[in-house]
C-alpha atoms as a PDB file:
ATOM      1  CA  MET A   1      14.832 -15.236  88.545  1.00  0.00           C
ATOM      2  CA  GLN A   2      15.715 -11.597  87.449  1.00  0.00           C
ATOM      3  CA  ASP A   3      15.587 -13.385  83.390  1.00  0.00           C
ATOM      4  CA  GLU A   4      12.263 -14.654  84.038  1.00  0.00           C
ATOM      5  CA  ASN A   5      10.621 -11.617  85.802  1.00  0.00           C
ATOM      6  CA  GLN A   6      12.328  -9.310  82.859  1.00  0.00           C
ATOM      7  CA  GLN A   7      10.778 -11.385  79.896  1.00  0.00           C
ATOM      8  CA  SER A   8       6.822 -11.394  82.156  1.00  0.00           C
ATOM      9  CA  ASN A   9       7.488  -7.547  82.084  1.00  0.00           C
ATOM     10  CA  GLU A  10       8.455  -7.597  78.325  1.00  0.00           C
ATOM     11  CA  ALA A  11       5.724  -9.819  77.477  1.00  0.00           C
ATOM     12  CA  ASN A  12       2.887  -7.447  79.910  1.00  0.00           C
ATOM     13  CA  THR A  13       4.173  -4.279  77.636  1.00  0.00           C
ATOM     14  CA  ASP A  14       3.680  -6.374  74.386  1.00  0.00           C
ATOM     15  CA  VAL A  15      -0.059  -7.056  75.337  1.00  0.00           C
ATOM     16  CA  VAL A  16      -0.649  -3.516  76.722  1.00  0.00           C
ATOM     17  CA  GLU A  17       0.586  -2.004  73.434  1.00  0.00           C
ATOM     18  CA  ALA A  18      -1.436  -4.311  71.354  1.00  0.00           C
ATOM     19  CA  ALA A  19      -4.859  -3.596  73.285  1.00  0.00           C
ATOM     20  CA  ALA A  20      -3.755   0.330  72.798  1.00  0.00           C
ATOM     21  CA  VAL A  21      -3.664  -0.119  69.136  1.00  0.00           C
ATOM     22  CA  ALA A  22      -6.612  -2.252  68.849  1.00  0.00           C
ATOM     23  CA  GLU A  23      -8.911   0.128  70.841  1.00  0.00           C
ATOM     24  CA  ALA A  24      -7.525   3.204  68.878  1.00  0.00           C
ATOM     25  CA  THR A  25      -9.924   4.819  65.916  1.00  0.00           C
ATOM     26  CA  PRO A  26      -8.706   4.284  62.513  1.00  0.00           C
ATOM     27  CA  ALA A  27      -7.728   8.113  62.115  1.00  0.00           C
ATOM     28  CA  GLN A  28      -5.592   7.380  64.816  1.00  0.00           C
ATOM     29  CA  ALA A  29      -4.348   4.289  63.540  1.00  0.00           C
ATOM     30  CA  GLU A  30      -3.507   6.180  60.453  1.00  0.00           C
ATOM     31  CA  GLU A  31      -1.503   8.525  61.988  1.00  0.00           C
ATOM     32  CA  GLN A  32       0.347   6.133  63.459  1.00  0.00           C
ATOM     33  CA  GLN A  33       1.379   4.497  60.361  1.00  0.00           C
ATOM     34  CA  ALA A  34       2.315   7.382  58.451  1.00  0.00           C
ATOM     35  CA  GLU A  35       4.856   8.181  61.671  1.00  0.00           C
ATOM     36  CA  GLN A  36       6.552   5.116  61.036  1.00  0.00           C
ATOM     37  CA  PRO A  37       9.778   5.590  58.667  1.00  0.00           C
ATOM     38  CA  GLN A  38       9.211   3.847  54.996  1.00  0.00           C
ATOM     39  CA  PRO A  39      11.833   1.809  53.274  1.00  0.00           C
ATOM     40  CA  GLN A  40      14.027   3.657  50.595  1.00  0.00           C
ATOM     41  CA  THR A  41      14.395   2.450  47.122  1.00  0.00           C
ATOM     42  CA  ASP A  42      17.184   3.714  44.734  1.00  0.00           C
ATOM     43  CA  GLN A  43      15.187   2.840  41.613  1.00  0.00           C
ATOM     44  CA  PRO A  44      13.624   6.142  40.393  1.00  0.00           C
ATOM     45  CA  GLN A  45       9.541   5.473  40.068  1.00  0.00           C
ATOM     46  CA  GLY A  46       7.448   5.077  37.088  1.00  0.00           C
ATOM     47  CA  ARG A  47      10.691   3.567  34.955  1.00  0.00           C
ATOM     48  CA  GLY A  48      11.026  -0.260  34.187  1.00  0.00           C
ATOM     49  CA  PRO A  49      13.683  -2.475  35.300  1.00  0.00           C
ATOM     50  CA  ARG A  50      17.350  -1.753  33.787  1.00  0.00           C
ATOM     51  CA  GLY A  51      19.679  -3.800  31.652  1.00  0.00           C
ATOM     52  CA  PRO A  52      23.116  -5.261  33.059  1.00  0.00           C
ATOM     53  CA  ARG A  53      24.686  -1.900  31.358  1.00  0.00           C
ATOM     54  CA  GLY A  54      22.415   0.398  32.984  1.00  0.00           C
ATOM     55  CA  GLY A  55      20.145   0.585  29.886  1.00  0.00           C
ATOM     56  CA  ARG A  56      16.545  -0.168  29.585  1.00  0.00           C
ATOM     57  CA  GLY A  57      16.051  -3.985  29.578  1.00  0.00           C
ATOM     58  CA  ARG A  58      14.124  -5.211  26.887  1.00  0.00           C
ATOM     59  CA  GLY A  59      11.332  -5.929  28.932  1.00  0.00           C
ATOM     60  CA  GLY A  60      10.891  -2.052  30.004  1.00  0.00           C
ATOM     61  CA  GLY A  61       7.762  -1.307  29.751  1.00  0.00           C
ATOM     62  CA  ASP A  62       8.737   2.429  27.856  1.00  0.00           C
ATOM     63  CA  ARG A  63      10.453   0.581  25.083  1.00  0.00           C
ATOM     64  CA  GLY A  64       7.690  -2.040  24.451  1.00  0.00           C
ATOM     65  CA  GLY A  65       5.100   0.620  24.416  1.00  0.00           C
ATOM     66  CA  GLY A  66       6.707   2.685  21.863  1.00  0.00           C
ATOM     67  CA  ARG A  67       7.206  -0.420  19.369  1.00  0.00           C
ATOM     68  CA  GLY A  68       3.737  -1.344  19.722  1.00  0.00           C
ATOM     69  CA  ARG A  69       2.857   2.370  18.601  1.00  0.00           C
ATOM     70  CA  ARG A  70       4.747   2.131  15.229  1.00  0.00           C
ATOM     71  CA  ASP A  71       2.814  -1.564  14.800  1.00  0.00           C
ATOM     72  CA  ASP A  72      -0.574   0.263  14.890  1.00  0.00           C
ATOM     73  CA  ARG A  73       0.809   3.173  12.804  1.00  0.00           C
ATOM     74  CA  ARG A  74       2.153   0.758   9.968  1.00  0.00           C
ATOM     75  CA  GLY A  75      -1.066  -1.378   9.934  1.00  0.00           C
ATOM     76  CA  ARG A  76      -3.267   1.710   9.369  1.00  0.00           C
ATOM     77  CA  ARG A  77      -0.878   2.851   6.685  1.00  0.00           C
ATOM     78  CA  ASP A  78      -1.213  -0.800   5.297  1.00  0.00           C
ATOM     79  CA  ASP A  79      -5.109  -0.834   5.486  1.00  0.00           C
ATOM     80  CA  GLU A  80      -5.131   2.712   3.698  1.00  0.00           C
ATOM     81  CA  ASP A  81      -2.740   1.600   0.996  1.00  0.00           C
ATOM     82  CA  GLY A  82      -5.094  -1.439   0.592  1.00  0.00           C
ATOM     83  CA  GLY A  83      -8.182   0.267   0.293  1.00  0.00           C
ATOM     84  CA  GLU A  84      -8.285   0.871  -3.507  1.00  0.00           C
ATOM     85  CA  GLU A  85      -9.223  -2.445  -5.438  1.00  0.00           C
ATOM     86  CA  LEU A  86      -6.734  -3.156  -8.277  1.00  0.00           C
ATOM     87  CA  ILE A  87      -6.526  -5.784 -11.119  1.00  0.00           C
ATOM     88  CA  GLU A  88      -3.467  -7.560 -11.391  1.00  0.00           C
ATOM     89  CA  LYS A  89      -2.263  -9.496 -14.450  1.00  0.00           C
ATOM     90  CA  LEU A  90       0.897 -11.477 -14.364  1.00  0.00           C
ATOM     91  CA  VAL A  91       2.144 -11.414 -18.269  1.00  0.00           C
ATOM     92  CA  HIS A  92       5.437 -12.935 -18.196  1.00  0.00           C
ATOM     93  CA  ILE A  93       8.039 -14.759 -15.756  1.00  0.00           C
ATOM     94  CA  ASN A  94      11.462 -15.437 -17.074  1.00  0.00           C
ATOM     95  CA  ARG A  95      13.959 -17.979 -14.976  1.00  0.00           C
ATOM     96  CA  VAL A  96      17.211 -17.578 -15.716  1.00  0.00           C
ATOM     97  CA  SER A  97      20.403 -19.749 -14.187  1.00  0.00           C
ATOM     98  CA  LYS A  98      23.793 -18.344 -13.159  1.00  0.00           C
ATOM     99  CA  THR A  99      26.899 -21.244 -13.042  1.00  0.00           C
ATOM    100  CA  VAL A 100      28.676 -20.790  -9.743  1.00  0.00           C
ATOM    101  CA  LYS A 101      31.039 -23.223  -7.911  1.00  0.00           C
ATOM    102  CA  GLY A 102      29.174 -26.178  -6.772  1.00  0.00           C
ATOM    103  CA  GLY A 103      25.909 -25.908  -9.143  1.00  0.00           C
ATOM    104  CA  LYS A 104      23.689 -23.368 -10.471  1.00  0.00           C
ATOM    105  CA  ARG A 105      21.860 -20.603  -9.046  1.00  0.00           C
ATOM    106  CA  PHE A 106      18.149 -19.941 -10.466  1.00  0.00           C
ATOM    107  CA  GLY A 107      16.482 -16.396 -10.552  1.00  0.00           C
ATOM    108  CA  PHE A 108      13.323 -15.312 -11.677  1.00  0.00           C
ATOM    109  CA  ALA A 109      12.149 -12.141 -13.387  1.00  0.00           C
ATOM    110  CA  ALA A 110       8.269 -11.441 -13.360  1.00  0.00           C
ATOM    111  CA  LEU A 111       6.322  -8.623 -15.592  1.00  0.00           C
ATOM    112  CA  VAL A 112       2.941  -7.664 -14.097  1.00  0.00           C
ATOM    113  CA  VAL A 113       0.408  -4.942 -15.224  1.00  0.00           C
ATOM    114  CA  VAL A 114      -2.112  -3.139 -12.881  1.00  0.00           C
ATOM    115  CA  GLY A 115      -4.736  -1.554 -13.330  1.00  0.00           C
ATOM    116  CA  ASP A 116      -8.405  -0.250 -11.675  1.00  0.00           C
ATOM    117  CA  GLY A 117     -10.557  -0.633 -14.485  1.00  0.00           C
ATOM    118  CA  LYS A 118     -11.403   2.857 -14.810  1.00  0.00           C
ATOM    119  CA  GLY A 119      -9.015   4.346 -16.849  1.00  0.00           C
ATOM    120  CA  ARG A 120      -5.868   3.562 -14.912  1.00  0.00           C
ATOM    121  CA  ALA A 121      -3.000   1.411 -15.547  1.00  0.00           C
ATOM    122  CA  GLY A 122       0.583   0.796 -15.194  1.00  0.00           C
ATOM    123  CA  PHE A 123       3.459  -1.971 -15.870  1.00  0.00           C
ATOM    124  CA  GLY A 124       6.203  -2.977 -13.824  1.00  0.00           C
ATOM    125  CA  HIS A 125       9.087  -6.027 -13.650  1.00  0.00           C
ATOM    126  CA  GLY A 126      10.717  -7.352 -10.402  1.00  0.00           C
ATOM    127  CA  LYS A 127      13.525  -9.794  -9.981  1.00  0.00           C
ATOM    128  CA  ALA A 128      14.019 -12.139  -7.271  1.00  0.00           C
ATOM    129  CA  ARG A 129      15.241 -15.894  -6.320  1.00  0.00           C
ATOM    130  CA  GLU A 130      11.871 -16.786  -5.538  1.00  0.00           C
ATOM    131  CA  VAL A 131       8.392 -15.837  -8.022  1.00  0.00           C
ATOM    132  CA  PRO A 132       6.283 -14.798  -4.991  1.00  0.00           C
ATOM    133  CA  GLU A 133       8.688 -12.123  -4.202  1.00  0.00           C
ATOM    134  CA  ALA A 134       9.490 -11.278  -7.687  1.00  0.00           C
ATOM    135  CA  ILE A 135       5.646 -10.670  -8.323  1.00  0.00           C
ATOM    136  CA  SER A 136       5.408  -8.466  -5.574  1.00  0.00           C
ATOM    137  CA  LYS A 137       8.217  -6.524  -6.587  1.00  0.00           C
ATOM    138  CA  ALA A 138       6.670  -6.243  -9.889  1.00  0.00           C
ATOM    139  CA  THR A 139       3.199  -5.341  -8.516  1.00  0.00           C
ATOM    140  CA  ALA A 140       5.088  -2.696  -6.404  1.00  0.00           C
ATOM    141  CA  ALA A 141       6.847  -1.337  -9.195  1.00  0.00           C
ATOM    142  CA  ALA A 142       3.563  -1.207 -11.411  1.00  0.00           C
ATOM    143  CA  LYS A 143       1.254   0.639  -9.176  1.00  0.00           C
ATOM    144  CA  LYS A 144       4.151   3.285  -8.684  1.00  0.00           C
ATOM    145  CA  ALA A 145       4.137   4.316 -12.053  1.00  0.00           C
ATOM    146  CA  MET A 146       0.131   3.791 -13.141  1.00  0.00           C
ATOM    147  CA  ILE A 147      -1.053   6.654 -16.249  1.00  0.00           C
ATOM    148  CA  ARG A 148      -4.487   7.986 -16.573  1.00  0.00           C
ATOM    149  CA  VAL A 149      -6.074   7.404 -19.911  1.00  0.00           C
ATOM    150  CA  PRO A 150      -8.955   8.955 -20.716  1.00  0.00           C
ATOM    151  CA  LEU A 151     -12.103   6.930 -21.795  1.00  0.00           C
ATOM    152  CA  ARG A 152     -15.076   7.522 -24.008  1.00  0.00           C
ATOM    153  CA  ASP A 153     -17.862   5.940 -22.537  1.00  0.00           C
ATOM    154  CA  GLY A 154     -16.018   4.216 -19.997  1.00  0.00           C
ATOM    155  CA  ARG A 155     -15.241   1.474 -22.774  1.00  0.00           C
ATOM    156  CA  THR A 156     -13.387   2.535 -25.829  1.00  0.00           C
ATOM    157  CA  LEU A 157     -10.837   5.026 -26.630  1.00  0.00           C
ATOM    158  CA  HIS A 158     -11.515   8.385 -28.009  1.00  0.00           C
ATOM    159  CA  HIS A 159      -9.028   8.185 -31.188  1.00  0.00           C
ATOM    160  CA  ASP A 160      -6.711   6.034 -33.072  1.00  0.00           C
ATOM    161  CA  GLY A 161      -2.990   5.588 -31.806  1.00  0.00           C
ATOM    162  CA  LEU A 162       0.295   4.608 -32.468  1.00  0.00           C
ATOM    163  CA  GLY A 163       3.358   3.335 -30.386  1.00  0.00           C
ATOM    164  CA  HIS A 164       6.764   2.086 -30.721  1.00  0.00           C
ATOM    165  CA  PHE A 165       9.280   0.847 -28.371  1.00  0.00           C
ATOM    166  CA  GLY A 166      12.581  -0.820 -30.003  1.00  0.00           C
ATOM    167  CA  ALA A 167      11.819  -2.785 -32.385  1.00  0.00           C
ATOM    168  CA  GLY A 168       8.085  -3.664 -31.272  1.00  0.00           C
ATOM    169  CA  ARG A 169       5.339  -1.534 -32.798  1.00  0.00           C
ATOM    170  CA  VAL A 170       1.488  -1.378 -32.032  1.00  0.00           C
ATOM    171  CA  THR A 171      -1.867   0.239 -33.640  1.00  0.00           C
ATOM    172  CA  ILE A 172      -4.538   0.865 -31.553  1.00  0.00           C
ATOM    173  CA  ARG A 173      -8.292   2.037 -32.863  1.00  0.00           C
ATOM    174  CA  THR A 174     -11.095   2.612 -31.092  1.00  0.00           C
ATOM    175  CA  ALA A 175     -14.315   0.275 -31.673  1.00  0.00           C
ATOM    176  CA  PRO A 176     -18.024   0.015 -31.941  1.00  0.00           C
ATOM    177  CA  ALA A 177     -19.789  -1.239 -28.557  1.00  0.00           C
ATOM    178  CA  GLY A 178     -19.821  -5.031 -29.029  1.00  0.00           C
ATOM    179  CA  THR A 179     -16.420  -5.307 -30.410  1.00  0.00           C
ATOM    180  CA  GLY A 180     -15.124  -6.747 -27.455  1.00  0.00           C
ATOM    181  CA  ILE A 181     -10.899  -6.591 -27.191  1.00  0.00           C
ATOM    182  CA  ILE A 182      -9.036  -7.694 -30.058  1.00  0.00           C
ATOM    183  CA  ALA A 183      -5.608  -8.012 -28.799  1.00  0.00           C
ATOM    184  CA  GLY A 184      -2.683 -10.363 -28.070  1.00  0.00           C
ATOM    185  CA  GLY A 185      -1.529 -11.900 -24.499  1.00  0.00           C
ATOM    186  CA  PRO A 186       0.405  -8.763 -23.298  1.00  0.00           C
ATOM    187  CA  MET A 187      -1.874  -6.265 -24.499  1.00  0.00           C
ATOM    188  CA  ARG A 188      -4.771  -7.813 -23.717  1.00  0.00           C
ATOM    189  CA  ALA A 189      -3.769  -7.699 -20.239  1.00  0.00           C
ATOM    190  CA  ILE A 190      -3.152  -4.038 -20.078  1.00  0.00           C
ATOM    191  CA  PHE A 191      -6.876  -2.871 -21.631  1.00  0.00           C
ATOM    192  CA  GLU A 192      -8.740  -5.414 -19.503  1.00  0.00           C
ATOM    193  CA  SER A 193      -6.758  -4.169 -16.223  1.00  0.00           C
ATOM    194  CA  LEU A 194      -7.409  -0.474 -17.701  1.00  0.00           C
ATOM    195  CA  GLY A 195     -11.248  -1.123 -18.076  1.00  0.00           C
ATOM    196  CA  VAL A 196     -11.521  -0.642 -21.649  1.00  0.00           C
ATOM    197  CA  ALA A 197     -14.561  -3.236 -23.436  1.00  0.00           C
ATOM    198  CA  ASP A 198     -14.077  -2.500 -27.349  1.00  0.00           C
ATOM    199  CA  VAL A 199     -10.589  -1.687 -29.014  1.00  0.00           C
ATOM    200  CA  VAL A 200      -9.072  -3.778 -32.094  1.00  0.00           C
ATOM    201  CA  THR A 201      -5.052  -3.721 -31.871  1.00  0.00           C
ATOM    202  CA  LYS A 202      -2.078  -4.946 -34.140  1.00  0.00           C
ATOM    203  CA  SER A 203       1.482  -5.770 -33.058  1.00  0.00           C
ATOM    204  CA  VAL A 204       4.217  -6.034 -35.509  1.00  0.00           C
ATOM    205  CA  GLY A 205       7.842  -6.037 -35.098  1.00  0.00           C
ATOM    206  CA  THR A 206       8.381  -8.319 -32.174  1.00  0.00           C
ATOM    207  CA  SER A 207       6.769 -10.585 -29.991  1.00  0.00           C
ATOM    208  CA  ASN A 208       8.870  -9.335 -26.847  1.00  0.00           C
ATOM    209  CA  PRO A 209       6.114  -8.685 -24.236  1.00  0.00           C
ATOM    210  CA  TYR A 210       8.690  -6.113 -22.750  1.00  0.00           C
ATOM    211  CA  ASN A 211       8.700  -4.200 -25.531  1.00  0.00           C
ATOM    212  CA  MET A 212       4.811  -4.949 -26.316  1.00  0.00           C
ATOM    213  CA  ILE A 213       3.782  -3.468 -23.276  1.00  0.00           C
ATOM    214  CA  ARG A 214       6.182  -0.378 -23.590  1.00  0.00           C
ATOM    215  CA  ALA A 215       5.174   0.609 -27.092  1.00  0.00           C
ATOM    216  CA  THR A 216       1.238  -0.123 -25.853  1.00  0.00           C
ATOM    217  CA  PHE A 217       1.948   2.814 -23.221  1.00  0.00           C
ATOM    218  CA  GLU A 218       3.704   4.969 -25.428  1.00  0.00           C
ATOM    219  CA  ALA A 219       0.279   5.155 -27.529  1.00  0.00           C
ATOM    220  CA  LEU A 220      -1.704   5.416 -24.532  1.00  0.00           C
ATOM    221  CA  LYS A 221       0.318   8.170 -23.331  1.00  0.00           C
ATOM    222  CA  ASP A 222      -0.764  10.267 -26.628  1.00  0.00           C
ATOM    223  CA  GLN A 223      -4.107   9.504 -25.688  1.00  0.00           C
ATOM    224  CA  SER A 224      -6.403  12.637 -25.169  1.00  0.00           C
ATOM    225  CA  SER A 225     -10.371  13.686 -24.721  1.00  0.00           C
ATOM    226  CA  PRO A 226     -12.299  16.421 -26.440  1.00  0.00           C
ATOM    227  CA  ARG A 227     -12.538  18.186 -23.339  1.00  0.00           C
ATOM    228  CA  ALA A 228      -8.447  18.498 -22.702  1.00  0.00           C
ATOM    229  CA  VAL A 229      -8.225  19.745 -26.335  1.00  0.00           C
ATOM    230  CA  SER A 230     -10.792  22.326 -26.139  1.00  0.00           C
ATOM    231  CA  GLN A 231      -9.489  23.799 -23.137  1.00  0.00           C
ATOM    232  CA  ARG A 232      -6.124  23.533 -24.442  1.00  0.00           C
ATOM    233  CA  ARG A 233      -7.260  25.271 -27.766  1.00  0.00           C
ATOM    234  CA  GLY A 234      -9.798  27.703 -26.418  1.00  0.00           C
ATOM    235  CA  LYS A 235     -12.682  26.820 -28.162  1.00  0.00           C
ATOM    236  CA  LYS A 236     -16.087  24.613 -27.653  1.00  0.00           C
ATOM    237  CA  VAL A 237     -16.335  20.814 -27.814  1.00  0.00           C
ATOM    238  CA  ALA A 238     -19.217  21.197 -30.071  1.00  0.00           C
ATOM    239  CA  ASP A 239     -17.092  23.136 -32.359  1.00  0.00           C
ATOM    240  CA  LEU A 240     -14.292  20.561 -32.559  1.00  0.00           C
ATOM    241  CA  LEU A 241     -17.075  17.640 -33.120  1.00  0.00           C
ATOM    242  CA  GLY A 242     -18.690  19.665 -35.529  1.00  0.00           C
ATOM    243  CA  ARG A 243     -15.509  19.610 -37.982  1.00  0.00           C
ATOM    244  CA  GLY A 244     -16.439  16.017 -38.476  1.00  0.00           C
ATOM    245  CA  GLY A 245     -19.353  16.730 -40.864  1.00  0.00           C
ATOM    246  CA  ALA A 246     -22.033  15.949 -37.877  1.00  0.00           C
ATOM    247  CA  SER A 247     -24.798  18.450 -37.673  1.00  0.00           C
ATOM    248  CA  VAL A 248     -24.815  21.228 -34.723  1.00  0.00           C
ATOM    249  CA  ALA A 249     -27.473  19.699 -32.750  1.00  0.00           C
ATOM    250  CA  GLU A 250     -25.610  16.401 -32.969  1.00  0.00           C
ATOM    251  CA  ALA A 251     -22.017  17.764 -31.951  1.00  0.00           C
ATOM    252  CA  GLU A 252     -23.932  19.539 -29.315  1.00  0.00           C
ATOM    253  CA  ALA A 253     -25.391  15.831 -27.934  1.00  0.00           C
ATOM    254  CA  GLN A 254     -21.907  14.349 -28.049  1.00  0.00           C
ATOM    255  CA  ALA A 255     -20.236  17.159 -26.284  1.00  0.00           C
ATOM    256  CA  GLU A 256     -22.798  16.866 -23.354  1.00  0.00           C
ATOM    257  CA  ALA A 257     -22.188  13.429 -23.487  1.00  0.00           C
ATOM    258  CA  ILE A 258     -18.821  13.639 -22.985  1.00  0.00           C
ATOM    259  CA  ALA A 259     -17.760  12.949 -19.352  1.00  0.00           C
ATOM    260  CA  GLU A 260     -14.121  13.293 -19.554  1.00  0.00           C
END
C-alpha cells in the first residue's frame, strides 16, 4: 500500500510541474532552459572531423575548400592564356623505335610552328610515347619561343634576307601585292602563321625540315623596319627612303605610310 501511495504522489507531482510549465510565459520558459546544464563535447567548434591519427580527415571542410580555391585560380590562369588566338601548323612527325627485351618500344617527335598572324611566330619540337602528347609539348615550346618580325603594310617583308643553319641555306625576298607565298612546305607554314601574304623564298643545301625552319628563323631575326633603323642612326625615315632615288614627296609619303 505504501508503494502505491508513493507512486500516486510522484504522478501528481509530475502533473503539477507539467501544468506549471505550460502556464509559464515564453520568457520564463527560456530562462528555465538556460538554467539547464548543456552537454559538453571535447571536439572544438568550427573544425571538421579528424582522421584516425589526429590529422584532418579527407572529408574535412577546411582542406576541401582550399583545394577548390586552387582549382579556381588555375582555371582563370588557363582562360587568360587561351584568350589569344594562335595559328598552329604541324610541320613534321618522326617515329622512332627502340628494340628492348620483349619487342620494340615506339616514340614520336613532332615539329610545330605557331603564330598569331600579326607578325609573331615561333617553332618548337617535342618527344613523347604518343602523338597527341608530342604535339602538345611542341606547341608549348613554340609559344615560349615566339619572336616578332616587322612587316611592311602587314603583308610582306621590308627587305631581302639570308639565313643558314647547318647545311640549310634559305633566301627570302619581299614581293609586290598579289604574289602570294612562294615557299616550300616547312617555310610555307612559317609565313602563313606569321601573317605574310606576299613573299618569294628559296631553300638549298638540305630538305631536313628542322634545319630549314631554323635557317628561316635566322633570316627573319635579321629583319628590321625603316623606323627602327632611323631611331638607331638618329635620322628621319624620309631621309633613309630618299636615298633610293625617290623624290622628297614620295619619300615622305612612304615614311608616313610605314606603321612599324
